[in-house]
All heavy atoms as atom14 arrays in JSON, in Angstrom:
{
  "sequence": "GIRHHGYTSFEELEQRDDKDKARIIISKLKEKGICVLPIKGSVE",
  "atom14_mask": [
    [1, 1, 1, 1, 0, 0, 0, 0, 0, 0, 0, 0, 0, 0],
    [1, 1, 1, 1, 1, 1, 1, 1, 0, 0, 0, 0, 0, 0],
    [1, 1, 1, 1, 1, 1, 1, 1, 1, 1, 1, 0, 0, 0],
    [1, 1, 1, 1, 1, 1, 1, 1, 1, 1, 0, 0, 0, 0],
    [1, 1, 1, 1, 1, 1, 1, 1, 1, 1, 0, 0, 0, 0],
    [1, 1, 1, 1, 0, 0, 0, 0, 0, 0, 0, 0, 0, 0],
    [1, 1, 1, 1, 1, 1, 1, 1, 1, 1, 1, 1, 0, 0],
    [1, 1, 1, 1, 1, 1, 1, 0, 0, 0, 0, 0, 0, 0],
    [1, 1, 1, 1, 1, 1, 0, 0, 0, 0, 0, 0, 0, 0],
    [1, 1, 1, 1, 1, 1, 1, 1, 1, 1, 1, 0, 0, 0],
    [1, 1, 1, 1, 1, 1, 1, 1, 1, 0, 0, 0, 0, 0],
    [1, 1, 1, 1, 1, 1, 1, 1, 1, 0, 0, 0, 0, 0],
    [1, 1, 1, 1, 1, 1, 1, 1, 0, 0, 0, 0, 0, 0],
    [1, 1, 1, 1, 1, 1, 1, 1, 1, 0, 0, 0, 0, 0],
    [1, 1, 1, 1, 1, 1, 1, 1, 1, 0, 0, 0, 0, 0],
    [1, 1, 1, 1, 1, 1, 1, 1, 1, 1, 1, 0, 0, 0],
    [1, 1, 1, 1, 1, 1, 1, 1, 0, 0, 0, 0, 0, 0],
    [1, 1, 1, 1, 1, 1, 1, 1, 0, 0, 0, 0, 0, 0],
    [1, 1, 1, 1, 1, 1, 1, 1, 1, 0, 0, 0, 0, 0],
    [1, 1, 1, 1, 1, 1, 1, 1, 0, 0, 0, 0, 0, 0],
    [1, 1, 1, 1, 1, 1, 1, 1, 1, 0, 0, 0, 0, 0],
    [1, 1, 1, 1, 1, 0, 0, 0, 0, 0, 0, 0, 0, 0],
    [1, 1, 1, 1, 1, 1, 1, 1, 1, 1, 1, 0, 0, 0],
    [1, 1, 1, 1, 1, 1, 1, 1, 0, 0, 0, 0, 0, 0],
    [1, 1, 1, 1, 1, 1, 1, 1, 0, 0, 0, 0, 0, 0],
    [1, 1, 1, 1, 1, 1, 1, 1, 0, 0, 0, 0, 0, 0],
    [1, 1, 1, 1, 1, 1, 0, 0, 0, 0, 0, 0, 0, 0],
    [1, 1, 1, 1, 1, 1, 1, 1, 1, 0, 0, 0, 0, 0],
    [1, 1, 1, 1, 1, 1, 1, 1, 0, 0, 0, 0, 0, 0],
    [1, 1, 1, 1, 1, 1, 1, 1, 1, 0, 0, 0, 0, 0],
    [1, 1, 1, 1, 1, 1, 1, 1, 1, 0, 0, 0, 0, 0],
    [1, 1, 1, 1, 1, 1, 1, 1, 1, 0, 0, 0, 0, 0],
    [1, 1, 1, 1, 0, 0, 0, 0, 0, 0, 0, 0, 0, 0],
    [1, 1, 1, 1, 1, 1, 1, 1, 0, 0, 0, 0, 0, 0],
    [1, 1, 1, 1, 1, 1, 0, 0, 0, 0, 0, 0, 0, 0],
    [1, 1, 1, 1, 1, 1, 1, 0, 0, 0, 0, 0, 0, 0],
    [1, 1, 1, 1, 1, 1, 1, 1, 0, 0, 0, 0, 0, 0],
    [1, 1, 1, 1, 1, 1, 1, 0, 0, 0, 0, 0, 0, 0],
    [1, 1, 1, 1, 1, 1, 1, 1, 0, 0, 0, 0, 0, 0],
    [1, 1, 1, 1, 1, 1, 1, 1, 1, 0, 0, 0, 0, 0],
    [1, 1, 1, 1, 0, 0, 0, 0, 0, 0, 0, 0, 0, 0],
    [1, 1, 1, 1, 1, 1, 0, 0, 0, 0, 0, 0, 0, 0],
    [1, 1, 1, 1, 1, 1, 1, 0, 0, 0, 0, 0, 0, 0],
    [1, 1, 1, 1, 1, 1, 1, 1, 1, 0, 0, 0, 0, 0]
  ],
  "atom14_positions": [
    [[141.92, 167.99, 29.12], [142.77, 167.13, 29.94], [142.02, 166.52, 31.11], [141.33, 167.22, 31.84], [0.0, 0.0, 0.0], [0.0, 0.0, 0.0], [0.0, 0.0, 0.0], [0.0, 0.0, 0.0], [0.0, 0.0, 0.0], [0.0, 0.0, 0.0], [0.0, 0.0, 0.0], [0.0, 0.0, 0.0], [0.0, 0.0, 0.0], [0.0, 0.0, 0.0]],
    [[142.14, 165.23, 31.23], [141.48, 164.5, 32.31], [142.55, 163.71, 33.06], [143.41, 163.07, 32.46], [140.39, 163.57, 31.74], [139.27, 164.41, 31.13], [139.84, 162.66, 32.82], [138.14, 163.62, 30.53], [0.0, 0.0, 0.0], [0.0, 0.0, 0.0], [0.0, 0.0, 0.0], [0.0, 0.0, 0.0], [0.0, 0.0, 0.0], [0.0, 0.0, 0.0]],
    [[142.49, 163.76, 34.39], [143.44, 163.04, 35.24], [142.78, 161.79, 35.83], [141.7, 161.87, 36.4], [143.9, 163.95, 36.38], [144.65, 165.18, 35.9], [144.95, 166.15, 37.02], [143.79, 166.64, 37.73], [142.97, 167.61, 37.29], [143.16, 168.17, 36.12], [141.95, 168.04, 38.03], [0.0, 0.0, 0.0], [0.0, 0.0, 0.0], [0.0, 0.0, 0.0]],
    [[143.46, 160.66, 35.65], [142.95, 159.39, 36.18], [143.28, 159.29, 37.66], [144.39, 159.58, 38.08], [143.56, 158.23, 35.41], [143.11, 156.9, 35.88], [141.84, 156.42, 35.63], [143.73, 155.97, 36.62], [141.72, 155.23, 36.19], [142.86, 154.94, 36.8], [0.0, 0.0, 0.0], [0.0, 0.0, 0.0], [0.0, 0.0, 0.0], [0.0, 0.0, 0.0]],
    [[142.31, 158.86, 38.48], [142.51, 158.76, 39.93], [142.44, 157.35, 40.48], [142.67, 157.16, 41.67], [141.5, 159.64, 40.66], [141.72, 161.1, 40.44], [142.72, 161.81, 41.05], [141.1, 161.97, 39.62], [142.69, 163.07, 40.65], [141.72, 163.19, 39.78], [0.0, 0.0, 0.0], [0.0, 0.0, 0.0], [0.0, 0.0, 0.0], [0.0, 0.0, 0.0]],
    [[142.08, 156.39, 39.67], [142.03, 155.02, 40.17], [140.76, 154.31, 39.74], [140.03, 154.77, 38.85], [0.0, 0.0, 0.0], [0.0, 0.0, 0.0], [0.0, 0.0, 0.0], [0.0, 0.0, 0.0], [0.0, 0.0, 0.0], [0.0, 0.0, 0.0], [0.0, 0.0, 0.0], [0.0, 0.0, 0.0], [0.0, 0.0, 0.0], [0.0, 0.0, 0.0]],
    [[140.53, 153.17, 40.39], [139.39, 152.33, 40.05], [138.56, 152.06, 41.29], [139.05, 152.1, 42.41], [139.87, 151.01, 39.46], [140.61, 151.17, 38.16], [142.0, 151.2, 38.13], [139.93, 151.29, 36.96], [142.7, 151.35, 36.95], [140.61, 151.45, 35.76], [141.99, 151.48, 35.77], [142.66, 151.64, 34.58], [0.0, 0.0, 0.0], [0.0, 0.0, 0.0]],
    [[137.3, 151.74, 41.06], [136.41, 151.32, 42.14], [135.5, 150.24, 41.57], [135.66, 149.81, 40.43], [135.6, 152.51, 42.7], [134.91, 152.09, 43.88], [134.61, 153.07, 41.71], [0.0, 0.0, 0.0], [0.0, 0.0, 0.0], [0.0, 0.0, 0.0], [0.0, 0.0, 0.0], [0.0, 0.0, 0.0], [0.0, 0.0, 0.0], [0.0, 0.0, 0.0]],
    [[134.53, 149.8, 42.36], [133.57, 148.78, 41.91], [132.17, 149.23, 42.31], [132.0, 150.18, 43.08], [133.88, 147.44, 42.56], [133.69, 147.53, 43.96], [0.0, 0.0, 0.0], [0.0, 0.0, 0.0], [0.0, 0.0, 0.0], [0.0, 0.0, 0.0], [0.0, 0.0, 0.0], [0.0, 0.0, 0.0], [0.0, 0.0, 0.0], [0.0, 0.0, 0.0]],
    [[131.17, 148.54, 41.77], [129.79, 148.86, 42.14], [129.58, 148.66, 43.65], [128.89, 149.44, 44.29], [128.8, 148.0, 41.35], [128.64, 148.42, 39.92], [129.13, 147.65, 38.9], [127.99, 149.6, 39.6], [128.97, 148.04, 37.57], [127.84, 150.01, 38.29], [128.33, 149.22, 37.27], [0.0, 0.0, 0.0], [0.0, 0.0, 0.0], [0.0, 0.0, 0.0]],
    [[130.21, 147.63, 44.2], [130.06, 147.34, 45.63], [130.61, 148.49, 46.48], [130.0, 148.88, 47.47], [130.76, 146.03, 46.0], [130.12, 144.8, 45.39], [130.52, 144.57, 43.93], [131.56, 145.11, 43.48], [129.79, 143.86, 43.24], [0.0, 0.0, 0.0], [0.0, 0.0, 0.0], [0.0, 0.0, 0.0], [0.0, 0.0, 0.0], [0.0, 0.0, 0.0]],
    [[131.77, 149.02, 46.09], [132.35, 150.13, 46.84], [131.5, 151.39, 46.72], [131.37, 152.14, 47.69], [133.77, 150.4, 46.36], [134.76, 149.33, 46.76], [136.14, 149.55, 46.18], [136.38, 150.58, 45.52], [137.01, 148.67, 46.4], [0.0, 0.0, 0.0], [0.0, 0.0, 0.0], [0.0, 0.0, 0.0], [0.0, 0.0, 0.0], [0.0, 0.0, 0.0]],
    [[130.92, 151.62, 45.55], [130.04, 152.78, 45.38], [128.8, 152.66, 46.26], [128.34, 153.65, 46.84], [129.61, 152.93, 43.91], [130.65, 153.48, 42.96], [130.11, 153.45, 41.53], [131.04, 154.9, 43.33], [0.0, 0.0, 0.0], [0.0, 0.0, 0.0], [0.0, 0.0, 0.0], [0.0, 0.0, 0.0], [0.0, 0.0, 0.0], [0.0, 0.0, 0.0]],
    [[128.26, 151.45, 46.37], [127.06, 151.23, 47.19], [127.32, 151.5, 48.67], [126.4, 151.8, 49.42], [126.55, 149.8, 47.01], [125.94, 149.55, 45.65], [125.64, 148.09, 45.39], [126.11, 147.21, 46.15], [124.92, 147.82, 44.41], [0.0, 0.0, 0.0], [0.0, 0.0, 0.0], [0.0, 0.0, 0.0], [0.0, 0.0, 0.0], [0.0, 0.0, 0.0]],
    [[128.58, 151.41, 49.11], [128.92, 151.6, 50.52], [129.27, 153.05, 50.87], [129.64, 153.34, 51.99], [130.08, 150.69, 50.9], [129.72, 149.23, 50.82], [130.91, 148.32, 51.05], [132.01, 148.78, 51.3], [130.68, 147.03, 50.95], [0.0, 0.0, 0.0], [0.0, 0.0, 0.0], [0.0, 0.0, 0.0], [0.0, 0.0, 0.0], [0.0, 0.0, 0.0]],
    [[129.11, 153.97, 49.91], [129.4, 155.39, 50.17], [128.45, 155.95, 51.22], [127.36, 155.45, 51.43], [129.23, 156.2, 48.88], [130.28, 155.94, 47.85], [130.01, 156.71, 46.6], [129.93, 158.14, 46.86], [130.37, 159.06, 46.04], [130.9, 158.72, 44.9], [130.26, 160.33, 46.33], [0.0, 0.0, 0.0], [0.0, 0.0, 0.0], [0.0, 0.0, 0.0]],
    [[128.88, 157.03, 51.87], [128.05, 157.68, 52.87], [126.8, 158.3, 52.26], [125.73, 158.26, 52.84], [128.84, 158.77, 53.6], [129.92, 158.19, 54.48], [129.78, 157.04, 54.91], [130.91, 158.89, 54.73], [0.0, 0.0, 0.0], [0.0, 0.0, 0.0], [0.0, 0.0, 0.0], [0.0, 0.0, 0.0], [0.0, 0.0, 0.0], [0.0, 0.0, 0.0]],
    [[126.92, 158.89, 51.08], [125.8, 159.54, 50.42], [125.09, 158.51, 49.52], [125.43, 158.34, 48.35], [126.28, 160.73, 49.59], [125.16, 161.58, 49.05], [123.99, 161.12, 49.06], [125.43, 162.71, 48.62], [0.0, 0.0, 0.0], [0.0, 0.0, 0.0], [0.0, 0.0, 0.0], [0.0, 0.0, 0.0], [0.0, 0.0, 0.0], [0.0, 0.0, 0.0]],
    [[124.12, 157.8, 50.09], [123.43, 156.7, 49.39], [122.68, 157.19, 48.15], [122.64, 156.51, 47.14], [122.47, 155.97, 50.33], [123.12, 155.37, 51.54], [124.02, 154.21, 51.17], [124.6, 153.59, 52.43], [125.66, 152.68, 52.17], [0.0, 0.0, 0.0], [0.0, 0.0, 0.0], [0.0, 0.0, 0.0], [0.0, 0.0, 0.0], [0.0, 0.0, 0.0]],
    [[122.06, 158.38, 48.23], [121.32, 158.89, 47.08], [122.24, 159.16, 45.89], [121.93, 158.82, 44.76], [120.56, 160.18, 47.44], [119.43, 159.92, 48.42], [118.89, 158.79, 48.42], [119.1, 160.83, 49.19], [0.0, 0.0, 0.0], [0.0, 0.0, 0.0], [0.0, 0.0, 0.0], [0.0, 0.0, 0.0], [0.0, 0.0, 0.0], [0.0, 0.0, 0.0]],
    [[123.38, 159.78, 46.15], [124.34, 160.07, 45.09], [124.89, 158.77, 44.51], [125.05, 158.64, 43.3], [125.49, 160.93, 45.64], [126.35, 161.52, 44.58], [127.38, 162.43, 45.23], [127.68, 163.6, 44.35], [128.59, 164.55, 44.97], [0.0, 0.0, 0.0], [0.0, 0.0, 0.0], [0.0, 0.0, 0.0], [0.0, 0.0, 0.0], [0.0, 0.0, 0.0]],
    [[125.15, 157.78, 45.36], [125.64, 156.48, 44.9], [124.62, 155.82, 43.98], [124.99, 155.27, 42.95], [125.95, 155.58, 46.09], [0.0, 0.0, 0.0], [0.0, 0.0, 0.0], [0.0, 0.0, 0.0], [0.0, 0.0, 0.0], [0.0, 0.0, 0.0], [0.0, 0.0, 0.0], [0.0, 0.0, 0.0], [0.0, 0.0, 0.0], [0.0, 0.0, 0.0]],
    [[123.33, 155.88, 44.33], [122.28, 155.29, 43.48], [122.22, 155.96, 42.12], [122.03, 155.31, 41.1], [120.92, 155.37, 44.18], [120.73, 154.3, 45.21], [119.29, 154.28, 45.72], [119.34, 154.03, 47.15], [118.99, 154.87, 48.1], [118.48, 156.02, 47.8], [119.12, 154.55, 49.35], [0.0, 0.0, 0.0], [0.0, 0.0, 0.0], [0.0, 0.0, 0.0]],
    [[122.38, 157.29, 42.1], [122.36, 158.03, 40.84], [123.55, 157.61, 39.97], [123.39, 157.34, 38.77], [122.39, 159.56, 41.1], [121.08, 160.01, 41.72], [122.68, 160.32, 39.81], [121.12, 161.42, 42.28], [0.0, 0.0, 0.0], [0.0, 0.0, 0.0], [0.0, 0.0, 0.0], [0.0, 0.0, 0.0], [0.0, 0.0, 0.0], [0.0, 0.0, 0.0]],
    [[124.73, 157.54, 40.56], [125.93, 157.15, 39.81], [125.77, 155.74, 39.25], [126.02, 155.5, 38.06], [127.19, 157.24, 40.71], [127.46, 158.69, 41.1], [128.4, 156.62, 40.01], [128.48, 158.86, 42.19], [0.0, 0.0, 0.0], [0.0, 0.0, 0.0], [0.0, 0.0, 0.0], [0.0, 0.0, 0.0], [0.0, 0.0, 0.0], [0.0, 0.0, 0.0]],
    [[125.35, 154.8, 40.07], [125.19, 153.41, 39.64], [124.14, 153.29, 38.54], [124.34, 152.59, 37.55], [124.85, 152.51, 40.85], [126.06, 152.41, 41.77], [124.4, 151.12, 40.4], [125.78, 151.81, 43.13], [0.0, 0.0, 0.0], [0.0, 0.0, 0.0], [0.0, 0.0, 0.0], [0.0, 0.0, 0.0], [0.0, 0.0, 0.0], [0.0, 0.0, 0.0]],
    [[123.04, 154.0, 38.68], [121.97, 153.97, 37.68], [122.48, 154.45, 36.32], [122.24, 153.82, 35.29], [120.8, 154.82, 38.15], [119.83, 154.93, 37.14], [0.0, 0.0, 0.0], [0.0, 0.0, 0.0], [0.0, 0.0, 0.0], [0.0, 0.0, 0.0], [0.0, 0.0, 0.0], [0.0, 0.0, 0.0], [0.0, 0.0, 0.0], [0.0, 0.0, 0.0]],
    [[123.2, 155.58, 36.31], [123.73, 156.12, 35.06], [124.78, 155.19, 34.46], [124.85, 155.03, 33.25], [124.3, 157.52, 35.28], [123.23, 158.56, 35.48], [123.84, 159.94, 35.6], [122.75, 160.98, 35.82], [123.3, 162.33, 35.88], [0.0, 0.0, 0.0], [0.0, 0.0, 0.0], [0.0, 0.0, 0.0], [0.0, 0.0, 0.0], [0.0, 0.0, 0.0]],
    [[125.63, 154.6, 35.31], [126.65, 153.69, 34.81], [126.03, 152.47, 34.16], [126.49, 152.02, 33.1], [127.59, 153.26, 35.94], [128.59, 154.3, 36.41], [129.29, 153.82, 37.67], [129.6, 154.61, 35.33], [0.0, 0.0, 0.0], [0.0, 0.0, 0.0], [0.0, 0.0, 0.0], [0.0, 0.0, 0.0], [0.0, 0.0, 0.0], [0.0, 0.0, 0.0]],
    [[124.99, 151.92, 34.76], [124.33, 150.73, 34.2], [123.58, 151.08, 32.92], [123.5, 150.27, 32.01], [123.39, 150.11, 35.23], [124.14, 149.4, 36.34], [123.21, 148.74, 37.32], [124.0, 147.99, 38.39], [123.14, 147.34, 39.37], [0.0, 0.0, 0.0], [0.0, 0.0, 0.0], [0.0, 0.0, 0.0], [0.0, 0.0, 0.0], [0.0, 0.0, 0.0]],
    [[123.04, 152.29, 32.84], [122.28, 152.71, 31.66], [123.18, 153.11, 30.49], [122.95, 152.69, 29.36], [121.38, 153.89, 32.04], [120.54, 154.42, 30.91], [119.73, 155.63, 31.32], [119.43, 155.78, 32.52], [119.41, 156.43, 30.42], [0.0, 0.0, 0.0], [0.0, 0.0, 0.0], [0.0, 0.0, 0.0], [0.0, 0.0, 0.0], [0.0, 0.0, 0.0]],
    [[124.21, 153.92, 30.76], [125.0, 154.5, 29.69], [126.47, 154.09, 29.69], [127.19, 154.37, 28.73], [124.93, 156.02, 29.77], [123.53, 156.55, 29.6], [123.49, 158.05, 29.71], [122.05, 158.52, 29.56], [121.96, 159.96, 29.62], [0.0, 0.0, 0.0], [0.0, 0.0, 0.0], [0.0, 0.0, 0.0], [0.0, 0.0, 0.0], [0.0, 0.0, 0.0]],
    [[126.96, 153.53, 30.79], [128.36, 153.15, 30.87], [129.27, 154.28, 31.34], [130.46, 154.09, 31.52], [0.0, 0.0, 0.0], [0.0, 0.0, 0.0], [0.0, 0.0, 0.0], [0.0, 0.0, 0.0], [0.0, 0.0, 0.0], [0.0, 0.0, 0.0], [0.0, 0.0, 0.0], [0.0, 0.0, 0.0], [0.0, 0.0, 0.0], [0.0, 0.0, 0.0]],
    [[128.71, 155.48, 31.51], [129.49, 156.63, 31.99], [128.58, 157.53, 32.81], [127.38, 157.6, 32.58], [130.13, 157.41, 30.82], [131.15, 158.42, 31.35], [129.08, 158.05, 29.95], [132.06, 159.0, 30.3], [0.0, 0.0, 0.0], [0.0, 0.0, 0.0], [0.0, 0.0, 0.0], [0.0, 0.0, 0.0], [0.0, 0.0, 0.0], [0.0, 0.0, 0.0]],
    [[129.17, 158.2, 33.78], [128.44, 159.17, 34.61], [129.37, 160.36, 34.83], [130.5, 160.19, 35.24], [128.04, 158.55, 35.95], [127.21, 159.7, 37.05], [0.0, 0.0, 0.0], [0.0, 0.0, 0.0], [0.0, 0.0, 0.0], [0.0, 0.0, 0.0], [0.0, 0.0, 0.0], [0.0, 0.0, 0.0], [0.0, 0.0, 0.0], [0.0, 0.0, 0.0]],
    [[128.87, 161.54, 34.53], [129.66, 162.76, 34.69], [128.95, 163.66, 35.7], [127.79, 164.01, 35.51], [129.84, 163.51, 33.35], [130.66, 164.76, 33.55], [130.45, 162.61, 32.3], [0.0, 0.0, 0.0], [0.0, 0.0, 0.0], [0.0, 0.0, 0.0], [0.0, 0.0, 0.0], [0.0, 0.0, 0.0], [0.0, 0.0, 0.0], [0.0, 0.0, 0.0]],
    [[129.63, 164.0, 36.79], [129.07, 164.85, 37.82], [129.92, 166.11, 37.96], [131.14, 166.02, 38.1], [129.03, 164.13, 39.16], [128.19, 162.86, 39.23], [128.36, 162.2, 40.59], [126.73, 163.17, 38.98], [0.0, 0.0, 0.0], [0.0, 0.0, 0.0], [0.0, 0.0, 0.0], [0.0, 0.0, 0.0], [0.0, 0.0, 0.0], [0.0, 0.0, 0.0]],
    [[129.31, 167.29, 37.91], [130.08, 168.52, 38.08], [130.61, 168.65, 39.5], [130.01, 168.15, 40.45], [129.07, 169.62, 37.78], [127.73, 169.01, 38.01], [127.88, 167.54, 37.74], [0.0, 0.0, 0.0], [0.0, 0.0, 0.0], [0.0, 0.0, 0.0], [0.0, 0.0, 0.0], [0.0, 0.0, 0.0], [0.0, 0.0, 0.0], [0.0, 0.0, 0.0]],
    [[131.75, 169.3, 39.63], [132.33, 169.59, 40.94], [131.85, 170.98, 41.33], [132.11, 171.96, 40.62], [133.87, 169.53, 40.91], [134.32, 168.12, 40.53], [134.45, 169.95, 42.26], [135.82, 167.99, 40.32], [0.0, 0.0, 0.0], [0.0, 0.0, 0.0], [0.0, 0.0, 0.0], [0.0, 0.0, 0.0], [0.0, 0.0, 0.0], [0.0, 0.0, 0.0]],
    [[131.17, 171.07, 42.46], [130.59, 172.34, 42.9], [131.69, 173.41, 43.04], [132.72, 173.18, 43.66], [129.88, 172.14, 44.23], [129.08, 173.33, 44.68], [128.31, 173.03, 45.95], [127.47, 174.2, 46.35], [126.63, 173.9, 47.49], [0.0, 0.0, 0.0], [0.0, 0.0, 0.0], [0.0, 0.0, 0.0], [0.0, 0.0, 0.0], [0.0, 0.0, 0.0]],
    [[131.45, 174.58, 42.43], [132.39, 175.69, 42.51], [133.59, 175.56, 41.58], [134.57, 176.26, 41.73], [0.0, 0.0, 0.0], [0.0, 0.0, 0.0], [0.0, 0.0, 0.0], [0.0, 0.0, 0.0], [0.0, 0.0, 0.0], [0.0, 0.0, 0.0], [0.0, 0.0, 0.0], [0.0, 0.0, 0.0], [0.0, 0.0, 0.0], [0.0, 0.0, 0.0]],
    [[133.5, 174.65, 40.61], [134.61, 174.41, 39.7], [134.08, 174.2, 38.28], [132.92, 173.87, 38.09], [135.38, 173.16, 40.14], [136.38, 172.83, 39.21], [0.0, 0.0, 0.0], [0.0, 0.0, 0.0], [0.0, 0.0, 0.0], [0.0, 0.0, 0.0], [0.0, 0.0, 0.0], [0.0, 0.0, 0.0], [0.0, 0.0, 0.0], [0.0, 0.0, 0.0]],
    [[134.94, 174.38, 37.3], [134.56, 174.07, 35.92], [134.87, 172.61, 35.59], [134.52, 172.14, 34.51], [135.28, 175.0, 34.9], [134.84, 176.43, 35.1], [136.78, 174.87, 35.01], [0.0, 0.0, 0.0], [0.0, 0.0, 0.0], [0.0, 0.0, 0.0], [0.0, 0.0, 0.0], [0.0, 0.0, 0.0], [0.0, 0.0, 0.0], [0.0, 0.0, 0.0]],
    [[135.52, 171.9, 36.5], [135.86, 170.5, 36.3], [134.7, 169.59, 36.69], [133.75, 170.01, 37.34], [137.11, 170.12, 37.09], [138.36, 170.81, 36.6], [139.6, 170.27, 37.27], [139.51, 169.56, 38.29], [140.68, 170.56, 36.74], [0.0, 0.0, 0.0], [0.0, 0.0, 0.0], [0.0, 0.0, 0.0], [0.0, 0.0, 0.0], [0.0, 0.0, 0.0]]
  ]
}
């Protein structure tokens, strides 16, 4: 089960506080079309 939380854009991702994480997300999205990041301390 996956819960949808909304939409964003590449521009909004680039403006995040954590620039390194944003670059990783954008790079994976452009390469594969999807990016999956684990939530620390969770199985989700």
